[in-house]
N, C-alpha and C. Protein backbone atom coordinates (compact mmCIF):
# COMPACT_ATOMS: atom_id res chain seq x y z
N MET A 1 67.24 79.07 96.30
CA MET A 1 68.50 79.62 95.82
C MET A 1 68.51 79.58 94.30
N HIS A 2 69.22 80.51 93.71
CA HIS A 2 69.41 80.64 92.27
C HIS A 2 68.13 80.95 91.53
N ASP A 3 67.21 81.62 92.20
CA ASP A 3 65.99 82.11 91.56
C ASP A 3 66.38 83.30 90.68
N ALA A 4 65.57 83.58 89.67
CA ALA A 4 65.85 84.69 88.75
C ALA A 4 65.94 86.01 89.51
N ALA A 5 65.11 86.20 90.52
CA ALA A 5 65.17 87.44 91.31
C ALA A 5 66.50 87.55 92.05
N GLN A 6 67.00 86.45 92.58
CA GLN A 6 68.27 86.47 93.28
C GLN A 6 69.42 86.74 92.31
N LEU A 7 69.40 86.11 91.17
CA LEU A 7 70.46 86.30 90.19
C LEU A 7 70.47 87.73 89.66
N ARG A 8 69.30 88.36 89.59
CA ARG A 8 69.22 89.74 89.13
C ARG A 8 69.96 90.68 90.08
N PHE A 9 69.99 90.37 91.37
CA PHE A 9 70.71 91.21 92.32
C PHE A 9 72.20 91.27 92.01
N HIS A 10 72.74 90.22 91.40
CA HIS A 10 74.16 90.17 91.09
C HIS A 10 74.51 90.80 89.75
N SER A 11 73.52 91.24 89.00
CA SER A 11 73.81 91.74 87.66
C SER A 11 73.56 93.24 87.52
N LEU A 12 73.49 93.95 88.64
CA LEU A 12 73.27 95.40 88.57
C LEU A 12 74.60 96.08 88.21
N PRO A 13 74.68 96.78 87.07
CA PRO A 13 75.95 97.28 86.58
C PRO A 13 76.36 98.66 87.10
N SER A 14 75.52 99.39 87.77
CA SER A 14 75.82 100.78 88.09
C SER A 14 76.91 100.90 89.14
N ALA A 15 77.58 102.06 89.15
CA ALA A 15 78.64 102.32 90.12
C ALA A 15 78.06 102.41 91.53
N SER A 16 76.84 102.89 91.65
CA SER A 16 76.24 102.99 92.99
C SER A 16 76.00 101.61 93.59
N TYR A 17 75.77 100.61 92.73
CA TYR A 17 75.61 99.25 93.23
C TYR A 17 76.91 98.75 93.84
N ALA A 18 78.03 99.07 93.21
CA ALA A 18 79.33 98.62 93.73
C ALA A 18 79.62 99.25 95.08
N ALA A 19 79.20 100.50 95.27
CA ALA A 19 79.42 101.18 96.54
C ALA A 19 78.44 100.71 97.62
N ASN A 20 77.26 100.26 97.21
CA ASN A 20 76.22 99.86 98.15
C ASN A 20 75.59 98.56 97.66
N PRO A 21 76.28 97.43 97.79
CA PRO A 21 75.77 96.17 97.21
C PRO A 21 74.52 95.69 97.92
N SER A 22 73.72 94.94 97.18
CA SER A 22 72.50 94.41 97.78
C SER A 22 72.75 93.15 98.60
N LEU A 23 73.81 92.39 98.27
CA LEU A 23 74.15 91.20 99.06
C LEU A 23 74.84 91.66 100.33
N LEU A 24 74.22 91.44 101.47
CA LEU A 24 74.73 91.97 102.73
C LEU A 24 75.80 91.10 103.37
N SER A 25 75.84 89.82 103.02
CA SER A 25 76.80 88.91 103.63
C SER A 25 77.10 87.78 102.65
N ASP A 26 78.35 87.34 102.63
CA ASP A 26 78.70 86.22 101.77
C ASP A 26 78.22 84.89 102.34
N SER A 27 78.04 84.82 103.66
CA SER A 27 77.65 83.56 104.28
C SER A 27 76.14 83.38 104.38
N VAL A 28 75.37 84.48 104.32
CA VAL A 28 73.90 84.42 104.43
C VAL A 28 73.32 85.11 103.21
N PRO A 29 72.44 84.43 102.45
CA PRO A 29 71.88 85.05 101.24
C PRO A 29 70.80 86.07 101.55
N LEU A 30 71.19 87.16 102.22
CA LEU A 30 70.27 88.22 102.60
C LEU A 30 70.56 89.43 101.72
N TYR A 31 69.54 89.92 101.04
CA TYR A 31 69.70 90.99 100.07
C TYR A 31 68.88 92.20 100.46
N ARG A 32 69.39 93.38 100.13
CA ARG A 32 68.66 94.62 100.34
C ARG A 32 68.05 95.02 99.01
N ARG A 33 66.75 95.22 99.00
CA ARG A 33 66.05 95.68 97.80
C ARG A 33 66.20 97.19 97.67
N GLY A 34 65.76 97.71 96.55
CA GLY A 34 65.85 99.14 96.30
C GLY A 34 65.08 99.99 97.28
N ASP A 35 64.02 99.45 97.87
CA ASP A 35 63.23 100.20 98.84
C ASP A 35 63.68 99.94 100.28
N ASN A 36 64.89 99.37 100.44
CA ASN A 36 65.53 99.07 101.73
C ASN A 36 64.83 97.98 102.53
N THR A 37 63.96 97.20 101.92
CA THR A 37 63.45 96.01 102.59
C THR A 37 64.44 94.88 102.33
N LEU A 38 64.36 93.84 103.13
CA LEU A 38 65.31 92.73 103.02
C LEU A 38 64.63 91.51 102.43
N THR A 39 65.41 90.73 101.69
CA THR A 39 64.94 89.50 101.07
C THR A 39 65.91 88.38 101.41
N PHE A 40 65.37 87.25 101.82
CA PHE A 40 66.18 86.07 102.11
C PHE A 40 65.75 84.96 101.17
N PHE A 41 66.70 84.28 100.56
CA PHE A 41 66.41 83.18 99.66
C PHE A 41 66.74 81.87 100.37
N PHE A 42 65.72 81.03 100.57
CA PHE A 42 65.86 79.78 101.30
C PHE A 42 66.30 78.64 100.40
N THR A 43 67.03 77.72 100.99
CA THR A 43 67.29 76.45 100.33
C THR A 43 66.31 75.43 100.93
N ALA A 44 66.19 74.29 100.30
CA ALA A 44 65.33 73.25 100.84
C ALA A 44 65.82 72.81 102.21
N ASP A 45 67.13 72.76 102.41
CA ASP A 45 67.69 72.38 103.71
C ASP A 45 67.35 73.41 104.79
N ASP A 46 67.33 74.70 104.43
CA ASP A 46 66.94 75.74 105.39
C ASP A 46 65.53 75.50 105.90
N VAL A 47 64.60 75.24 105.00
CA VAL A 47 63.20 75.04 105.38
C VAL A 47 63.06 73.77 106.20
N ARG A 48 63.75 72.72 105.79
CA ARG A 48 63.69 71.45 106.52
C ARG A 48 64.22 71.65 107.95
N THR A 49 65.31 72.40 108.10
CA THR A 49 65.88 72.67 109.42
C THR A 49 64.91 73.47 110.28
N LEU A 50 64.23 74.46 109.71
CA LEU A 50 63.25 75.26 110.45
C LEU A 50 62.08 74.40 110.94
N VAL A 51 61.58 73.54 110.07
CA VAL A 51 60.45 72.69 110.45
C VAL A 51 60.87 71.69 111.52
N ASP A 52 62.02 71.06 111.34
CA ASP A 52 62.50 70.10 112.33
C ASP A 52 62.73 70.78 113.68
N GLY A 53 63.26 71.99 113.66
CA GLY A 53 63.49 72.74 114.90
C GLY A 53 62.19 73.09 115.60
N ALA A 54 61.17 73.48 114.82
CA ALA A 54 59.86 73.81 115.41
C ALA A 54 59.23 72.58 116.04
N VAL A 55 59.31 71.44 115.38
CA VAL A 55 58.74 70.20 115.92
C VAL A 55 59.47 69.81 117.20
N GLU A 56 60.79 69.94 117.20
CA GLU A 56 61.56 69.60 118.39
C GLU A 56 61.21 70.53 119.55
N ALA A 57 61.03 71.82 119.28
CA ALA A 57 60.66 72.77 120.33
C ALA A 57 59.30 72.43 120.92
N ILE A 58 58.36 72.05 120.07
CA ILE A 58 57.03 71.64 120.56
C ILE A 58 57.14 70.40 121.44
N ASN A 59 57.94 69.43 121.00
CA ASN A 59 58.09 68.20 121.77
C ASN A 59 58.80 68.44 123.10
N VAL A 60 59.78 69.33 123.13
CA VAL A 60 60.46 69.67 124.39
C VAL A 60 59.47 70.30 125.36
N GLU A 61 58.63 71.20 124.86
CA GLU A 61 57.62 71.83 125.71
C GLU A 61 56.63 70.81 126.25
N ARG A 62 56.21 69.87 125.40
CA ARG A 62 55.28 68.83 125.85
C ARG A 62 55.91 67.95 126.93
N ARG A 63 57.19 67.61 126.75
CA ARG A 63 57.86 66.79 127.77
C ARG A 63 57.99 67.55 129.09
N SER A 64 58.25 68.86 129.02
CA SER A 64 58.37 69.66 130.25
C SER A 64 57.02 69.77 130.96
N GLU A 65 55.93 69.64 130.23
CA GLU A 65 54.59 69.65 130.83
C GLU A 65 54.19 68.28 131.36
N GLY A 66 55.05 67.28 131.16
CA GLY A 66 54.76 65.94 131.65
C GLY A 66 53.97 65.09 130.67
N ARG A 67 53.81 65.55 129.47
CA ARG A 67 53.07 64.78 128.47
C ARG A 67 54.04 63.85 127.74
N ASP A 68 53.55 62.66 127.43
CA ASP A 68 54.42 61.70 126.74
C ASP A 68 54.07 61.56 125.25
N ASP A 69 53.07 62.31 124.79
CA ASP A 69 52.73 62.24 123.36
C ASP A 69 53.58 63.25 122.59
N GLU A 70 54.18 62.79 121.51
CA GLU A 70 55.04 63.64 120.69
C GLU A 70 54.35 63.99 119.39
N VAL A 71 54.72 65.14 118.86
CA VAL A 71 54.24 65.54 117.54
C VAL A 71 55.16 64.91 116.50
N VAL A 72 54.59 64.22 115.55
CA VAL A 72 55.35 63.61 114.45
C VAL A 72 54.73 64.09 113.15
N LEU A 73 55.57 64.62 112.26
CA LEU A 73 55.10 65.09 110.97
C LEU A 73 55.51 64.12 109.87
N GLU A 74 54.67 64.07 108.86
CA GLU A 74 54.95 63.25 107.68
C GLU A 74 54.85 64.17 106.48
N GLY A 75 55.77 64.05 105.57
CA GLY A 75 55.72 64.88 104.37
C GLY A 75 57.11 65.10 103.83
N GLY A 76 57.22 66.10 103.00
CA GLY A 76 58.51 66.35 102.39
C GLY A 76 58.59 67.74 101.78
N ILE A 77 59.68 67.93 101.10
CA ILE A 77 59.98 69.23 100.53
C ILE A 77 60.60 69.03 99.15
N GLU A 78 60.34 69.95 98.26
CA GLU A 78 60.92 69.87 96.93
C GLU A 78 61.17 71.28 96.40
N VAL A 79 62.06 71.37 95.44
CA VAL A 79 62.32 72.63 94.75
C VAL A 79 61.60 72.56 93.41
N VAL A 80 60.72 73.51 93.18
CA VAL A 80 59.92 73.55 91.96
C VAL A 80 60.49 74.64 91.05
N GLU A 81 60.75 74.29 89.81
CA GLU A 81 61.25 75.27 88.83
C GLU A 81 60.16 75.54 87.81
N ARG A 82 59.97 76.83 87.50
CA ARG A 82 58.99 77.24 86.51
C ARG A 82 59.62 78.22 85.54
N GLU A 83 59.34 77.99 84.28
CA GLU A 83 59.79 78.94 83.26
C GLU A 83 58.73 80.03 83.11
N MET A 84 59.12 81.25 83.33
CA MET A 84 58.21 82.39 83.19
C MET A 84 58.53 83.09 81.87
N GLN A 85 57.53 83.45 81.13
CA GLN A 85 57.71 84.10 79.83
C GLN A 85 56.95 85.43 79.80
N ASN A 86 57.59 86.44 79.24
CA ASN A 86 56.91 87.69 78.94
C ASN A 86 56.94 87.81 77.42
N ARG A 87 55.88 87.43 76.80
CA ARG A 87 55.85 87.41 75.33
C ARG A 87 55.88 88.81 74.74
N ALA A 88 55.28 89.77 75.42
CA ALA A 88 55.24 91.13 74.91
C ALA A 88 56.64 91.73 74.83
N GLU A 89 57.47 91.46 75.83
CA GLU A 89 58.83 92.02 75.85
C GLU A 89 59.88 91.02 75.39
N GLN A 90 59.46 89.81 75.02
CA GLN A 90 60.35 88.79 74.46
C GLN A 90 61.48 88.39 75.42
N TRP A 91 61.14 88.08 76.65
CA TRP A 91 62.13 87.56 77.57
C TRP A 91 61.51 86.51 78.46
N GLY A 92 62.35 85.72 79.06
CA GLY A 92 61.89 84.68 79.97
C GLY A 92 62.91 84.46 81.07
N CYS A 93 62.51 83.79 82.11
CA CYS A 93 63.42 83.50 83.22
C CYS A 93 62.94 82.24 83.93
N THR A 94 63.83 81.66 84.70
CA THR A 94 63.51 80.49 85.49
C THR A 94 63.29 80.91 86.93
N ARG A 95 62.12 80.62 87.45
CA ARG A 95 61.82 80.90 88.85
C ARG A 95 61.91 79.60 89.62
N ARG A 96 62.44 79.67 90.82
CA ARG A 96 62.60 78.49 91.68
C ARG A 96 61.90 78.75 93.00
N PHE A 97 61.11 77.79 93.43
CA PHE A 97 60.36 77.90 94.67
C PHE A 97 60.61 76.66 95.53
N VAL A 98 60.72 76.85 96.83
CA VAL A 98 60.79 75.74 97.76
C VAL A 98 59.36 75.44 98.19
N HIS A 99 58.92 74.21 97.96
CA HIS A 99 57.56 73.83 98.29
C HIS A 99 57.60 72.67 99.28
N GLY A 100 57.01 72.90 100.44
CA GLY A 100 56.97 71.86 101.46
C GLY A 100 55.54 71.58 101.87
N SER A 101 55.28 70.34 102.19
CA SER A 101 53.95 69.94 102.61
C SER A 101 54.10 68.86 103.68
N TRP A 102 53.55 69.12 104.86
CA TRP A 102 53.60 68.17 105.95
C TRP A 102 52.22 68.01 106.55
N ARG A 103 52.01 66.88 107.19
CA ARG A 103 50.79 66.69 107.96
C ARG A 103 51.17 65.97 109.25
N ARG A 104 50.41 66.26 110.25
CA ARG A 104 50.69 65.66 111.56
C ARG A 104 50.10 64.26 111.59
N VAL A 105 50.93 63.28 111.89
CA VAL A 105 50.46 61.90 111.94
C VAL A 105 50.27 61.44 113.38
N ARG A 106 50.85 62.17 114.31
CA ARG A 106 50.69 61.80 115.71
C ARG A 106 50.91 63.01 116.56
């Protein structure tokens, strides 16, 4: 969230943008790009929830098969910020990335 690309979607000044905004929903950060593809901006909690849900689904399937061994992951997630510079055009921006790394311990 709050990546330079996401913030740029909110700064389009044209009248056509007001009639056809790129933000599709106030509750979900889903944006429509100019070529009509969709972009979703994740938070660290979103990624953590997806990983936890996937691990739980795997463990439910294993239990339904009669197996008692569970998948356990070790690791974490962080938000990485990078300053990007375009020296030729004299501008810069802050890019934000969600970076997660896990390994299976059991």
